[in-house]
Amino acid sequence: MFESLSKREFGFKLEAFAVGKLKCLDCHIIETNFQCKLGEIDIILKDKETLVFVEVRYRKQNKFGGASASVDRRKQNKIIKTASHYLQSKNINERFACRFDVFAIESIANQLSYNWIKDAFDVQN
């Protein structure tokens, strides 16, 4: 499908795919690829009045649980810490409604399919 792309370029293409799908679902994209010393958040968006931090994951096969299962507790903690840093750096009030989603992409017969998992995890998990 994207055989000639580097891993990094392929990742950017998948994130662009996710952004396109999320825009079609009436989400307002605020930022992509937010990076700080703690980690990276692929997509930050507003879904109605909720600020959403989205992790985009891809798996060529769904062995071992597929793309969504690859967001383990260690990865969740990293995203939560990075999101906290984002909120502080933007002076966003702590009481602002936030959510953590996973946008899982898989390749089935050379076609990309996706599953947008809203509220995939939270700070208390």
PDB file of N, CA and C in Angstrom:
ATOM      1  N   MET A   1       0.826  -1.201   0.000  1.00  0.00           N
ATOM      2  CA  MET A   1       0.000   0.000   0.000  1.00  0.00           C
ATOM      3  C   MET A   1       0.864   1.256   0.000  1.00  0.00           C
ATOM      4  N   PHE A   2       1.699   1.423   1.038  1.00  0.00           N
ATOM      5  CA  PHE A   2       2.592   2.577   1.136  1.00  0.00           C
ATOM      6  C   PHE A   2       4.034   2.091   1.249  1.00  0.00           C
ATOM      7  N   GLU A   3       4.368   1.062   0.482  1.00  0.00           N
ATOM      8  CA  GLU A   3       5.646   0.377   0.633  1.00  0.00           C
ATOM      9  C   GLU A   3       6.856   1.282   0.476  1.00  0.00           C
ATOM     10  N   SER A   4       6.766   2.314  -0.362  1.00  0.00           N
ATOM     11  CA  SER A   4       7.926   3.151  -0.642  1.00  0.00           C
ATOM     12  C   SER A   4       8.178   4.215   0.430  1.00  0.00           C
ATOM     13  N   LEU A   5       7.295   4.342   1.407  1.00  0.00           N
ATOM     14  CA  LEU A   5       7.438   5.368   2.433  1.00  0.00           C
ATOM     15  C   LEU A   5       8.268   4.874   3.609  1.00  0.00           C
ATOM     16  N   SER A   6       8.985   5.809   4.227  1.00  0.00           N
ATOM     17  CA  SER A   6       9.682   5.470   5.463  1.00  0.00           C
ATOM     18  C   SER A   6       8.641   5.277   6.560  1.00  0.00           C
ATOM     19  N   LYS A   7       9.060   4.707   7.673  1.00  0.00           N
ATOM     20  CA  LYS A   7       8.137   4.485   8.798  1.00  0.00           C
ATOM     21  C   LYS A   7       7.540   5.811   9.266  1.00  0.00           C
ATOM     22  N   ARG A   8       8.359   6.847   9.328  1.00  0.00           N
ATOM     23  CA  ARG A   8       7.905   8.175   9.760  1.00  0.00           C
ATOM     24  C   ARG A   8       6.889   8.768   8.775  1.00  0.00           C
ATOM     25  N   GLU A   9       7.209   8.683   7.476  1.00  0.00           N
ATOM     26  CA  GLU A   9       6.289   9.192   6.450  1.00  0.00           C
ATOM     27  C   GLU A   9       4.967   8.425   6.486  1.00  0.00           C
ATOM     28  N   PHE A  10       5.057   7.111   6.667  1.00  0.00           N
ATOM     29  CA  PHE A  10       3.872   6.280   6.746  1.00  0.00           C
ATOM     30  C   PHE A  10       3.007   6.697   7.936  1.00  0.00           C
ATOM     31  N   GLY A  11       3.658   6.964   9.067  1.00  0.00           N
ATOM     32  CA  GLY A  11       2.940   7.430  10.258  1.00  0.00           C
ATOM     33  C   GLY A  11       2.207   8.737   9.993  1.00  0.00           C
ATOM     34  N   PHE A  12       2.863   9.673   9.311  1.00  0.00           N
ATOM     35  CA  PHE A  12       2.217  10.946   8.983  1.00  0.00           C
ATOM     36  C   PHE A  12       1.024  10.741   8.043  1.00  0.00           C
ATOM     37  N   LYS A  13       1.146   9.810   7.108  1.00  0.00           N
ATOM     38  CA  LYS A  13       0.027   9.508   6.196  1.00  0.00           C
ATOM     39  C   LYS A  13      -1.165   8.942   6.974  1.00  0.00           C
ATOM     40  N   LEU A  14      -0.885   8.057   7.923  1.00  0.00           N
ATOM     41  CA  LEU A  14      -1.959   7.477   8.727  1.00  0.00           C
ATOM     42  C   LEU A  14      -2.625   8.539   9.601  1.00  0.00           C
ATOM     43  N   GLU A  15      -1.826   9.429  10.164  1.00  0.00           N
ATOM     44  CA  GLU A  15      -2.394  10.508  10.971  1.00  0.00           C
ATOM     45  C   GLU A  15      -3.233  11.449  10.103  1.00  0.00           C
ATOM     46  N   ALA A  16      -2.788  11.708   8.879  1.00  0.00           N
ATOM     47  CA  ALA A  16      -3.572  12.537   7.951  1.00  0.00           C
ATOM     48  C   ALA A  16      -4.888  11.836   7.604  1.00  0.00           C
ATOM     49  N   PHE A  17      -4.845  10.520   7.432  1.00  0.00           N
ATOM     50  CA  PHE A  17      -6.052   9.735   7.190  1.00  0.00           C
ATOM     51  C   PHE A  17      -7.023   9.914   8.352  1.00  0.00           C
ATOM     52  N   ALA A  18      -6.500   9.804   9.590  1.00  0.00           N
ATOM     53  CA  ALA A  18      -7.339   9.961  10.785  1.00  0.00           C
ATOM     54  C   ALA A  18      -7.926  11.364  10.866  1.00  0.00           C
ATOM     55  N   VAL A  19      -7.108  12.374  10.605  1.00  0.00           N
ATOM     56  CA  VAL A  19      -7.593  13.758  10.640  1.00  0.00           C
ATOM     57  C   VAL A  19      -8.724  13.949   9.638  1.00  0.00           C
ATOM     58  N   GLY A  20      -8.559  13.415   8.435  1.00  0.00           N
ATOM     59  CA  GLY A  20      -9.606  13.529   7.417  1.00  0.00           C
ATOM     60  C   GLY A  20     -10.915  12.898   7.857  1.00  0.00           C
ATOM     61  N   LYS A  21     -10.841  11.720   8.427  1.00  0.00           N
ATOM     62  CA  LYS A  21     -12.049  11.034   8.897  1.00  0.00           C
ATOM     63  C   LYS A  21     -12.697  11.799  10.053  1.00  0.00           C
ATOM     64  N   LEU A  22     -11.873  12.300  10.987  1.00  0.00           N
ATOM     65  CA  LEU A  22     -12.417  13.021  12.140  1.00  0.00           C
ATOM     66  C   LEU A  22     -13.062  14.339  11.722  1.00  0.00           C
ATOM     67  N   LYS A  23     -12.480  15.011  10.741  1.00  0.00           N
ATOM     68  CA  LYS A  23     -13.093  16.248  10.227  1.00  0.00           C
ATOM     69  C   LYS A  23     -14.459  15.953   9.618  1.00  0.00           C
ATOM     70  N   CYS A  24     -14.564  14.838   8.915  1.00  0.00           N
ATOM     71  CA  CYS A  24     -15.853  14.443   8.317  1.00  0.00           C
ATOM     72  C   CYS A  24     -16.899  14.143   9.384  1.00  0.00           C
ATOM     73  N   LEU A  25     -16.448  13.832  10.583  1.00  0.00           N
ATOM     74  CA  LEU A  25     -17.356  13.528  11.686  1.00  0.00           C
ATOM     75  C   LEU A  25     -17.609  14.767  12.552  1.00  0.00           C
ATOM     76  N   ASP A  26     -17.383  15.942  11.971  1.00  0.00           N
ATOM     77  CA  ASP A  26     -17.654  17.244  12.597  1.00  0.00           C
ATOM     78  C   ASP A  26     -16.790  17.550  13.813  1.00  0.00           C
ATOM     79  N   CYS A  27     -15.588  17.041  13.819  1.00  0.00           N
ATOM     80  CA  CYS A  27     -14.644  17.389  14.882  1.00  0.00           C
ATOM     81  C   CYS A  27     -13.808  18.577  14.422  1.00  0.00           C
ATOM     82  N   HIS A  28     -13.474  19.434  15.361  1.00  0.00           N
ATOM     83  CA  HIS A  28     -12.632  20.586  15.074  1.00  0.00           C
ATOM     84  C   HIS A  28     -11.207  20.259  15.513  1.00  0.00           C
ATOM     85  N   ILE A  29     -10.315  20.115  14.544  1.00  0.00           N
ATOM     86  CA  ILE A  29      -8.925  19.784  14.842  1.00  0.00           C
ATOM     87  C   ILE A  29      -8.229  21.036  15.371  1.00  0.00           C
ATOM     88  N   ILE A  30      -7.642  20.919  16.554  1.00  0.00           N
ATOM     89  CA  ILE A  30      -6.927  22.033  17.163  1.00  0.00           C
ATOM     90  C   ILE A  30      -5.445  21.962  16.839  1.00  0.00           C
ATOM     91  N   GLU A  31      -4.884  20.761  16.952  1.00  0.00           N
ATOM     92  CA  GLU A  31      -3.439  20.608  16.758  1.00  0.00           C
ATOM     93  C   GLU A  31      -3.125  19.159  16.430  1.00  0.00           C
ATOM     94  N   THR A  32      -2.075  18.972  15.644  1.00  0.00           N
ATOM     95  CA  THR A  32      -1.585  17.620  15.379  1.00  0.00           C
ATOM     96  C   THR A  32      -0.117  17.556  15.785  1.00  0.00           C
ATOM     97  N   ASN A  33       0.300  16.375  16.190  1.00  0.00           N
ATOM     98  CA  ASN A  33       1.690  16.108  16.556  1.00  0.00           C
ATOM     99  C   ASN A  33       2.236  17.067  17.614  1.00  0.00           C
ATOM    100  N   PHE A  34       1.467  17.265  18.676  1.00  0.00           N
ATOM    101  CA  PHE A  34       1.967  18.059  19.798  1.00  0.00           C
ATOM    102  C   PHE A  34       3.084  17.270  20.477  1.00  0.00           C
ATOM    103  N   GLN A  35       4.248  17.897  20.627  1.00  0.00           N
ATOM    104  CA  GLN A  35       5.384  17.220  21.237  1.00  0.00           C
ATOM    105  C   GLN A  35       5.954  18.044  22.374  1.00  0.00           C
ATOM    106  N   CYS A  36       6.376  17.347  23.401  1.00  0.00           N
ATOM    107  CA  CYS A  36       7.107  17.955  24.499  1.00  0.00           C
ATOM    108  C   CYS A  36       8.068  16.890  25.025  1.00  0.00           C
ATOM    109  N   LYS A  37       8.819  17.224  26.062  1.00  0.00           N
ATOM    110  CA  LYS A  37       9.806  16.268  26.590  1.00  0.00           C
ATOM    111  C   LYS A  37       9.161  15.001  27.142  1.00  0.00           C
ATOM    112  N   LEU A  38       7.864  15.058  27.451  1.00  0.00           N
ATOM    113  CA  LEU A  38       7.169  13.905  28.033  1.00  0.00           C
ATOM    114  C   LEU A  38       6.638  12.927  26.990  1.00  0.00           C
ATOM    115  N   GLY A  39       6.436  13.408  25.770  1.00  0.00           N
ATOM    116  CA  GLY A  39       5.894  12.539  24.735  1.00  0.00           C
ATOM    117  C   GLY A  39       5.216  13.319  23.633  1.00  0.00           C
ATOM    118  N   GLU A  40       4.336  12.631  22.912  1.00  0.00           N
ATOM    119  CA  GLU A  40       3.639  13.222  21.769  1.00  0.00           C
ATOM    120  C   GLU A  40       2.160  12.842  21.826  1.00  0.00           C
ATOM    121  N   ILE A  41       1.345  13.777  21.376  1.00  0.00           N
ATOM    122  CA  ILE A  41      -0.078  13.484  21.182  1.00  0.00           C
ATOM    123  C   ILE A  41      -0.344  13.678  19.699  1.00  0.00           C
ATOM    124  N   ASP A  42      -0.901  12.649  19.071  1.00  0.00           N
ATOM    125  CA  ASP A  42      -1.087  12.673  17.623  1.00  0.00           C
ATOM    126  C   ASP A  42      -2.071  13.744  17.176  1.00  0.00           C
ATOM    127  N   ILE A  43      -3.240  13.781  17.813  1.00  0.00           N
ATOM    128  CA  ILE A  43      -4.282  14.733  17.409  1.00  0.00           C
ATOM    129  C   ILE A  43      -4.956  15.284  18.658  1.00  0.00           C
ATOM    130  N   ILE A  44      -5.151  16.597  18.670  1.00  0.00           N
ATOM    131  CA  ILE A  44      -5.940  17.243  19.720  1.00  0.00           C
ATOM    132  C   ILE A  44      -7.097  17.915  19.000  1.00  0.00           C
ATOM    133  N   LEU A  45      -8.316  17.641  19.465  1.00  0.00           N
ATOM    134  CA  LEU A  45      -9.493  18.169  18.783  1.00  0.00           C
ATOM    135  C   LEU A  45     -10.573  18.538  19.783  1.00  0.00           C
ATOM    136  N   LYS A  46     -11.567  19.242  19.284  1.00  0.00           N
ATOM    137  CA  LYS A  46     -12.764  19.504  20.086  1.00  0.00           C
ATOM    138  C   LYS A  46     -13.905  18.716  19.475  1.00  0.00           C
ATOM    139  N   ASP A  47     -14.572  17.957  20.308  1.00  0.00           N
ATOM    140  CA  ASP A  47     -15.774  17.220  19.930  1.00  0.00           C
ATOM    141  C   ASP A  47     -16.888  17.828  20.768  1.00  0.00           C
ATOM    142  N   LYS A  48     -17.664  18.682  20.162  1.00  0.00           N
ATOM    143  CA  LYS A  48     -18.649  19.507  20.866  1.00  0.00           C
ATOM    144  C   LYS A  48     -17.906  20.365  21.892  1.00  0.00           C
ATOM    145  N   GLU A  49     -18.156  20.181  23.172  1.00  0.00           N
ATOM    146  CA  GLU A  49     -17.495  20.995  24.201  1.00  0.00           C
ATOM    147  C   GLU A  49     -16.369  20.249  24.921  1.00  0.00           C
ATOM    148  N   THR A  50     -15.958  19.122  24.374  1.00  0.00           N
ATOM    149  CA  THR A  50     -14.933  18.302  25.020  1.00  0.00           C
ATOM    150  C   THR A  50     -13.612  18.397  24.265  1.00  0.00           C
ATOM    151  N   LEU A  51     -12.533  18.588  25.002  1.00  0.00           N
ATOM    152  CA  LEU A  51     -11.198  18.563  24.427  1.00  0.00           C
ATOM    153  C   LEU A  51     -10.756  17.101  24.400  1.00  0.00           C
ATOM    154  N   VAL A  52     -10.344  16.642  23.225  1.00  0.00           N
ATOM    155  CA  VAL A  52     -10.041  15.222  23.042  1.00  0.00           C
ATOM    156  C   VAL A  52      -8.592  15.042  22.610  1.00  0.00           C
ATOM    157  N   PHE A  53      -7.905  14.136  23.300  1.00  0.00           N
ATOM    158  CA  PHE A  53      -6.537  13.760  22.961  1.00  0.00           C
ATOM    159  C   PHE A  53      -6.614  12.397  22.282  1.00  0.00           C
ATOM    160  N   VAL A  54      -6.173  12.345  21.029  1.00  0.00           N
ATOM    161  CA  VAL A  54      -6.347  11.134  20.223  1.00  0.00           C
ATOM    162  C   VAL A  54      -5.003  10.484  19.925  1.00  0.00           C
ATOM    163  N   GLU A  55      -4.915   9.209  20.220  1.00  0.00           N
ATOM    164  CA  GLU A  55      -3.753   8.392  19.867  1.00  0.00           C
ATOM    165  C   GLU A  55      -4.116   7.594  18.625  1.00  0.00           C
ATOM    166  N   VAL A  56      -3.345   7.767  17.551  1.00  0.00           N
ATOM    167  CA  VAL A  56      -3.568   7.032  16.306  1.00  0.00           C
ATOM    168  C   VAL A  56      -2.659   5.807  16.330  1.00  0.00           C
ATOM    169  N   ARG A  57      -3.247   4.638  16.136  1.00  0.00           N
ATOM    170  CA  ARG A  57      -2.481   3.386  16.133  1.00  0.00           C
ATOM    171  C   ARG A  57      -2.806   2.596  14.882  1.00  0.00           C
ATOM    172  N   TYR A  58      -1.794   1.917  14.362  1.00  0.00           N
ATOM    173  CA  TYR A  58      -1.950   1.109  13.162  1.00  0.00           C
ATOM    174  C   TYR A  58      -1.367  -0.276  13.386  1.00  0.00           C
ATOM    175  N   ARG A  59      -2.043  -1.249  12.862  1.00  0.00           N
ATOM    176  CA  ARG A  59      -1.524  -2.614  12.819  1.00  0.00           C
ATOM    177  C   ARG A  59      -1.903  -3.203  11.468  1.00  0.00           C
ATOM    178  N   LYS A  60      -0.930  -3.847  10.859  1.00  0.00           N
ATOM    179  CA  LYS A  60      -1.168  -4.484   9.569  1.00  0.00           C
ATOM    180  C   LYS A  60      -2.067  -5.708   9.748  1.00  0.00           C
ATOM    181  N   GLN A  61      -1.935  -6.354  10.894  1.00  0.00           N
ATOM    182  CA  GLN A  61      -2.755  -7.520  11.209  1.00  0.00           C
ATOM    183  C   GLN A  61      -3.356  -7.321  12.589  1.00  0.00           C
ATOM    184  N   ASN A  62      -4.437  -8.018  12.854  1.00  0.00           N
ATOM    185  CA  ASN A  62      -5.049  -7.850  14.177  1.00  0.00           C
ATOM    186  C   ASN A  62      -4.648  -8.954  15.159  1.00  0.00           C
ATOM    187  N   LYS A  63      -3.512  -9.575  14.910  1.00  0.00           N
ATOM    188  CA  LYS A  63      -2.978 -10.530  15.886  1.00  0.00           C
ATOM    189  C   LYS A  63      -2.689  -9.782  17.180  1.00  0.00           C
ATOM    190  N   PHE A  64      -2.780 -10.455  18.266  1.00  0.00           N
ATOM    191  CA  PHE A  64      -2.483  -9.896  19.582  1.00  0.00           C
ATOM    192  C   PHE A  64      -3.399  -8.727  19.941  1.00  0.00           C
ATOM    193  N   GLY A  65      -4.604  -8.706  19.404  1.00  0.00           N
ATOM    194  CA  GLY A  65      -5.576  -7.691  19.785  1.00  0.00           C
ATOM    195  C   GLY A  65      -5.693  -6.511  18.841  1.00  0.00           C
ATOM    196  N   GLY A  66      -4.836  -6.388  17.871  1.00  0.00           N
ATOM    197  CA  GLY A  66      -4.944  -5.320  16.899  1.00  0.00           C
ATOM    198  C   GLY A  66      -4.427  -3.981  17.394  1.00  0.00           C
ATOM    199  N   ALA A  67      -4.762  -2.944  16.638  1.00  0.00           N
ATOM    200  CA  ALA A  67      -4.232  -1.600  16.885  1.00  0.00           C
ATOM    201  C   ALA A  67      -4.657  -1.043  18.242  1.00  0.00           C
ATOM    202  N   SER A  68      -5.914  -1.208  18.589  1.00  0.00           N
ATOM    203  CA  SER A  68      -6.394  -0.614  19.843  1.00  0.00           C
ATOM    204  C   SER A  68      -5.738  -1.253  21.070  1.00  0.00           C
ATOM    205  N   ALA A  69      -5.466  -2.535  21.005  1.00  0.00           N
ATOM    206  CA  ALA A  69      -4.850  -3.228  22.137  1.00  0.00           C
ATOM    207  C   ALA A  69      -3.403  -2.808  22.351  1.00  0.00           C
ATOM    208  N   SER A  70      -2.808  -2.165  21.364  1.00  0.00           N
ATOM    209  CA  SER A  70      -1.410  -1.754  21.489  1.00  0.00           C
ATOM    210  C   SER A  70      -1.242  -0.509  22.367  1.00  0.00           C
ATOM    211  N   VAL A  71      -2.348   0.104  22.761  1.00  0.00           N
ATOM    212  CA  VAL A  71      -2.274   1.254  23.674  1.00  0.00           C
ATOM    213  C   VAL A  71      -2.354   0.703  25.097  1.00  0.00           C
ATOM    214  N   ASP A  72      -1.219   0.212  25.557  1.00  0.00           N
ATOM    215  CA  ASP A  72      -1.168  -0.407  26.882  1.00  0.00           C
ATOM    216  C   ASP A  72      -1.111   0.655  27.983  1.00  0.00           C
ATOM    217  N   ARG A  73      -1.096   0.204  29.220  1.00  0.00           N
ATOM    218  CA  ARG A  73      -1.129   1.131  30.357  1.00  0.00           C
ATOM    219  C   ARG A  73       0.071   2.081  30.365  1.00  0.00           C
ATOM    220  N   ARG A  74       1.240   1.578  29.989  1.00  0.00           N
ATOM    221  CA  ARG A  74       2.436   2.429  29.918  1.00  0.00           C
ATOM    222  C   ARG A  74       2.224   3.568  28.914  1.00  0.00           C
ATOM    223  N   LYS A  75       1.685   3.241  27.734  1.00  0.00           N
ATOM    224  CA  LYS A  75       1.426   4.248  26.709  1.00  0.00           C
ATOM    225  C   LYS A  75       0.338   5.210  27.180  1.00  0.00           C
ATOM    226  N   GLN A  76      -0.692   4.700  27.827  1.00  0.00           N
ATOM    227  CA  GLN A  76      -1.751   5.557  28.355  1.00  0.00           C
ATOM    228  C   GLN A  76      -1.188   6.571  29.343  1.00  0.00           C
ATOM    229  N   ASN A  77      -0.333   6.122  30.253  1.00  0.00           N
ATOM    230  CA  ASN A  77       0.266   7.032  31.239  1.00  0.00           C
ATOM    231  C   ASN A  77       1.086   8.118  30.565  1.00  0.00           C
ATOM    232  N   LYS A  78       1.802   7.760  29.520  1.00  0.00           N
ATOM    233  CA  LYS A  78       2.603   8.735  28.775  1.00  0.00           C
ATOM    234  C   LYS A  78       1.705   9.780  28.108  1.00  0.00           C
ATOM    235  N   ILE A  79       0.609   9.333  27.534  1.00  0.00           N
ATOM    236  CA  ILE A  79      -0.334  10.257  26.890  1.00  0.00           C
ATOM    237  C   ILE A  79      -0.977  11.169  27.937  1.00  0.00           C
ATOM    238  N   ILE A  80      -1.358  10.614  29.062  1.00  0.00           N
ATOM    239  CA  ILE A  80      -1.986  11.401  30.134  1.00  0.00           C
ATOM    240  C   ILE A  80      -1.021  12.491  30.630  1.00  0.00           C
ATOM    241  N   LYS A  81       0.230  12.141  30.850  1.00  0.00           N
ATOM    242  CA  LYS A  81       1.223  13.127  31.304  1.00  0.00           C
ATOM    243  C   LYS A  81       1.451  14.202  30.246  1.00  0.00           C
ATOM    244  N   THR A  82       1.509  13.800  28.988  1.00  0.00           N
ATOM    245  CA  THR A  82       1.707  14.759  27.903  1.00  0.00           C
ATOM    246  C   THR A  82       0.490  15.674  27.784  1.00  0.00           C
ATOM    247  N   ALA A  83      -0.700  15.137  27.927  1.00  0.00           N
ATOM    248  CA  ALA A  83      -1.923  15.943  27.881  1.00  0.00           C
ATOM    249  C   ALA A  83      -1.950  16.951  29.021  1.00  0.00           C
ATOM    250  N   SER A  84      -1.527  16.531  30.202  1.00  0.00           N
ATOM    251  CA  SER A  84      -1.466  17.428  31.349  1.00  0.00           C
ATOM    252  C   SER A  84      -0.508  18.586  31.068  1.00  0.00           C
ATOM    253  N   HIS A  85       0.622  18.265  30.483  1.00  0.00           N
ATOM    254  CA  HIS A  85       1.589  19.306  30.111  1.00  0.00           C
ATOM    255  C   HIS A  85       0.969  20.262  29.085  1.00  0.00           C
ATOM    256  N   TYR A  86       0.259  19.705  28.111  1.00  0.00           N
ATOM    257  CA  TYR A  86      -0.408  20.533  27.093  1.00  0.00           C
ATOM    258  C   TYR A  86      -1.374  21.507  27.758  1.00  0.00           C
ATOM    259  N   LEU A  87      -2.216  21.001  28.654  1.00  0.00           N
ATOM    260  CA  LEU A  87      -3.204  21.842  29.332  1.00  0.00           C
ATOM    261  C   LEU A  87      -2.515  22.965  30.117  1.00  0.00           C
ATOM    262  N   GLN A  88      -1.444  22.633  30.812  1.00  0.00           N
ATOM    263  CA  GLN A  88      -0.720  23.648  31.577  1.00  0.00           C
ATOM    264  C   GLN A  88      -0.059  24.664  30.664  1.00  0.00           C
ATOM    265  N   SER A  89       0.549  24.197  29.570  1.00  0.00           N
ATOM    266  CA  SER A  89       1.253  25.109  28.665  1.00  0.00           C
ATOM    267  C   SER A  89       0.300  26.062  27.945  1.00  0.00           C
ATOM    268  N   LYS A  90      -0.956  25.650  27.791  1.00  0.00           N
ATOM    269  CA  LYS A  90      -1.965  26.482  27.116  1.00  0.00           C
ATOM    270  C   LYS A  90      -2.858  27.219  28.117  1.00  0.00           C
ATOM    271  N   ASN A  91      -2.538  27.083  29.418  1.00  0.00           N
ATOM    272  CA  ASN A  91      -3.339  27.708  30.486  1.00  0.00           C
ATOM    273  C   ASN A  91      -4.820  27.343  30.387  1.00  0.00           C
ATOM    274  N   ILE A  92      -5.085  26.085  30.134  1.00  0.00           N
ATOM    275  CA  ILE A  92      -6.461  25.604  30.041  1.00  0.00           C
ATOM    276  C   ILE A  92      -6.896  25.138  31.416  1.00  0.00           C
ATOM    277  N   ASN A  93      -8.040  25.609  31.845  1.00  0.00           N
ATOM    278  CA  ASN A  93      -8.585  25.315  33.165  1.00  0.00           C
ATOM    279  C   ASN A  93      -8.734  23.815  33.369  1.00  0.00           C
ATOM    280  N   GLU A  94      -8.351  23.330  34.540  1.00  0.00           N
ATOM    281  CA  GLU A  94      -8.438  21.900  34.869  1.00  0.00           C
ATOM    282  C   GLU A  94      -9.858  21.346  34.770  1.00  0.00           C
ATOM    283  N   ARG A  95     -10.855  22.181  34.977  1.00  0.00           N
ATOM    284  CA  ARG A  95     -12.239  21.690  34.953  1.00  0.00           C
ATOM    285  C   ARG A  95     -12.790  21.539  33.538  1.00  0.00           C
ATOM    286  N   PHE A  96     -11.997  21.866  32.550  1.00  0.00           N
ATOM    287  CA  PHE A  96     -12.414  21.709  31.168  1.00  0.00           C
ATOM    288  C   PHE A  96     -12.605  20.220  30.896  1.00  0.00           C
ATOM    289  N   ALA A  97     -13.700  19.834  30.267  1.00  0.00           N
ATOM    290  CA  ALA A  97     -13.965  18.415  29.984  1.00  0.00           C
ATOM    291  C   ALA A  97     -12.945  17.886  28.974  1.00  0.00           C
ATOM    292  N   CYS A  98     -12.263  16.805  29.346  1.00  0.00           N
ATOM    293  CA  CYS A  98     -11.262  16.187  28.479  1.00  0.00           C
ATOM    294  C   CYS A  98     -11.572  14.705  28.322  1.00  0.00           C
ATOM    295  N   ARG A  99     -11.054  14.148  27.220  1.00  0.00           N
ATOM    296  CA  ARG A  99     -11.298  12.742  26.931  1.00  0.00           C
ATOM    297  C   ARG A  99     -10.078  12.182  26.197  1.00  0.00           C
ATOM    298  N   PHE A 100      -9.831  10.888  26.372  1.00  0.00           N
ATOM    299  CA  PHE A 100      -8.739  10.205  25.682  1.00  0.00           C
ATOM    300  C   PHE A 100      -9.338   9.160  24.741  1.00  0.00           C
ATOM    301  N   ASP A 101      -9.062   9.331  23.456  1.00  0.00           N
ATOM    302  CA  ASP A 101      -9.584   8.422  22.440  1.00  0.00           C
ATOM    303  C   ASP A 101      -8.444   7.687  21.749  1.00  0.00           C
ATOM    304  N   VAL A 102      -8.796   6.577  21.122  1.00  0.00           N
ATOM    305  CA  VAL A 102      -7.860   5.851  20.262  1.00  0.00           C
ATOM    306  C   VAL A 102      -8.508   5.749  18.888  1.00  0.00           C
ATOM    307  N   PHE A 103      -7.744   6.092  17.872  1.00  0.00           N
ATOM    308  CA  PHE A 103      -8.178   5.949  16.492  1.00  0.00           C
ATOM    309  C   PHE A 103      -7.373   4.784  15.928  1.00  0.00           C
ATOM    310  N   ALA A 104      -7.980   3.604  15.930  1.00  0.00           N
ATOM    311  CA  ALA A 104      -7.294   2.374  15.541  1.00  0.00           C
ATOM    312  C   ALA A 104      -7.490   2.111  14.049  1.00  0.00           C
ATOM    313  N   ILE A 105      -6.374   1.951  13.348  1.00  0.00           N
ATOM    314  CA  ILE A 105      -6.409   1.699  11.900  1.00  0.00           C
ATOM    315  C   ILE A 105      -5.810   0.332  11.638  1.00  0.00           C
ATOM    316  N   GLU A 106      -6.491  -0.419  10.785  1.00  0.00           N
ATOM    317  CA  GLU A 106      -5.985  -1.730  10.384  1.00  0.00           C
ATOM    318  C   GLU A 106      -6.097  -1.866   8.878  1.00  0.00           C
ATOM    319  N   SER A 107      -5.249  -2.698   8.329  1.00  0.00           N
ATOM    320  CA  SER A 107      -5.243  -2.941   6.896  1.00  0.00           C
ATOM    321  C   SER A 107      -5.910  -4.287   6.630  1.00  0.00           C
ATOM    322  N   ILE A 108      -6.996  -4.247   5.897  1.00  0.00           N
ATOM    323  CA  ILE A 108      -7.718  -5.466   5.553  1.00  0.00           C
ATOM    324  C   ILE A 108      -7.810  -5.522   4.035  1.00  0.00           C
ATOM    325  N   ALA A 109      -7.179  -6.532   3.444  1.00  0.00           N
ATOM    326  CA  ALA A 109      -7.150  -6.702   1.985  1.00  0.00           C
ATOM    327  C   ALA A 109      -6.696  -5.410   1.299  1.00  0.00           C
ATOM    328  N   ASN A 110      -5.620  -4.832   1.805  1.00  0.00           N
ATOM    329  CA  ASN A 110      -5.029  -3.595   1.274  1.00  0.00           C
ATOM    330  C   ASN A 110      -5.952  -2.379   1.346  1.00  0.00           C
ATOM    331  N   GLN A 111      -6.967  -2.450   2.165  1.00  0.00           N
ATOM    332  CA  GLN A 111      -7.849  -1.315   2.412  1.00  0.00           C
ATOM    333  C   GLN A 111      -7.735  -0.936   3.882  1.00  0.00           C
ATOM    334  N   LEU A 112      -7.678   0.365   4.146  1.00  0.00           N
ATOM    335  CA  LEU A 112      -7.619   0.810   5.531  1.00  0.00           C
ATOM    336  C   LEU A 112      -9.016   0.847   6.123  1.00  0.00           C
ATOM    337  N   SER A 113      -9.150   0.283   7.295  1.00  0.00           N
ATOM    338  CA  SER A 113     -10.399   0.396   8.043  1.00  0.00           C
ATOM    339  C   SER A 113     -10.041   1.005   9.391  1.00  0.00           C
ATOM    340  N   TYR A 114     -11.007   1.650  10.003  1.00  0.00           N
ATOM    341  CA  TYR A 114     -10.708   2.299  11.274  1.00  0.00           C
ATOM    342  C   TYR A 114     -11.824   2.110  12.270  1.00  0.00           C
ATOM    343  N   ASN A 115     -11.453   2.283  13.530  1.00  0.00           N
ATOM    344  CA  ASN A 115     -12.394   2.237  14.633  1.00  0.00           C
ATOM    345  C   ASN A 115     -12.028   3.376  15.568  1.00  0.00           C
ATOM    346  N   TRP A 116     -12.908   4.352  15.698  1.00  0.00           N
ATOM    347  CA  TRP A 116     -12.682   5.482  16.590  1.00  0.00           C
ATOM    348  C   TRP A 116     -13.259   5.099  17.951  1.00  0.00           C
ATOM    349  N   ILE A 117     -12.388   4.881  18.908  1.00  0.00           N
ATOM    350  CA  ILE A 117     -12.810   4.448  20.235  1.00  0.00           C
ATOM    351  C   ILE A 117     -12.804   5.665  21.153  1.00  0.00           C
ATOM    352  N   LYS A 118     -14.001   6.176  21.407  1.00  0.00           N
ATOM    353  CA  LYS A 118     -14.134   7.332  22.282  1.00  0.00           C
ATOM    354  C   LYS A 118     -14.003   6.874  23.732  1.00  0.00           C
ATOM    355  N   ASP A 119     -13.370   7.725  24.526  1.00  0.00           N
ATOM    356  CA  ASP A 119     -13.201   7.445  25.957  1.00  0.00           C
ATOM    357  C   ASP A 119     -12.517   6.090  26.159  1.00  0.00           C
ATOM    358  N   ALA A 120     -11.463   5.856  25.383  1.00  0.00           N
ATOM    359  CA  ALA A 120     -10.760   4.564  25.412  1.00  0.00           C
ATOM    360  C   ALA A 120     -10.108   4.281  26.754  1.00  0.00           C
ATOM    361  N   PHE A 121      -9.695   5.347  27.439  1.00  0.00           N
ATOM    362  CA  PHE A 121      -9.111   5.193  28.775  1.00  0.00           C
ATOM    363  C   PHE A 121      -9.230   6.525  29.492  1.00  0.00           C
ATOM    364  N   ASP A 122      -9.015   6.498  30.799  1.00  0.00           N
ATOM    365  CA  ASP A 122      -9.070   7.752  31.551  1.00  0.00           C
ATOM    366  C   ASP A 122      -7.977   7.762  32.603  1.00  0.00           C
ATOM    367  N   VAL A 123      -7.890   8.860  33.304  1.00  0.00           N
ATOM    368  CA  VAL A 123      -6.829   9.058  34.275  1.00  0.00           C
ATOM    369  C   VAL A 123      -6.927   8.058  35.422  1.00  0.00           C
ATOM    370  N   GLN A 124      -8.111   7.632  35.795  1.00  0.00           N
ATOM    371  CA  GLN A 124      -8.296   6.736  36.933  1.00  0.00           C
ATOM    372  C   GLN A 124      -8.017   5.280  36.618  1.00  0.00           C
ATOM    373  N   ASN A 125      -7.884   4.891  35.341  1.00  0.00           N
ATOM    374  CA  ASN A 125      -7.677   3.468  35.010  1.00  0.00           C
ATOM    375  C   ASN A 125      -6.538   2.859  35.770  1.00  0.00           C
TER     376      ASN A 125
END
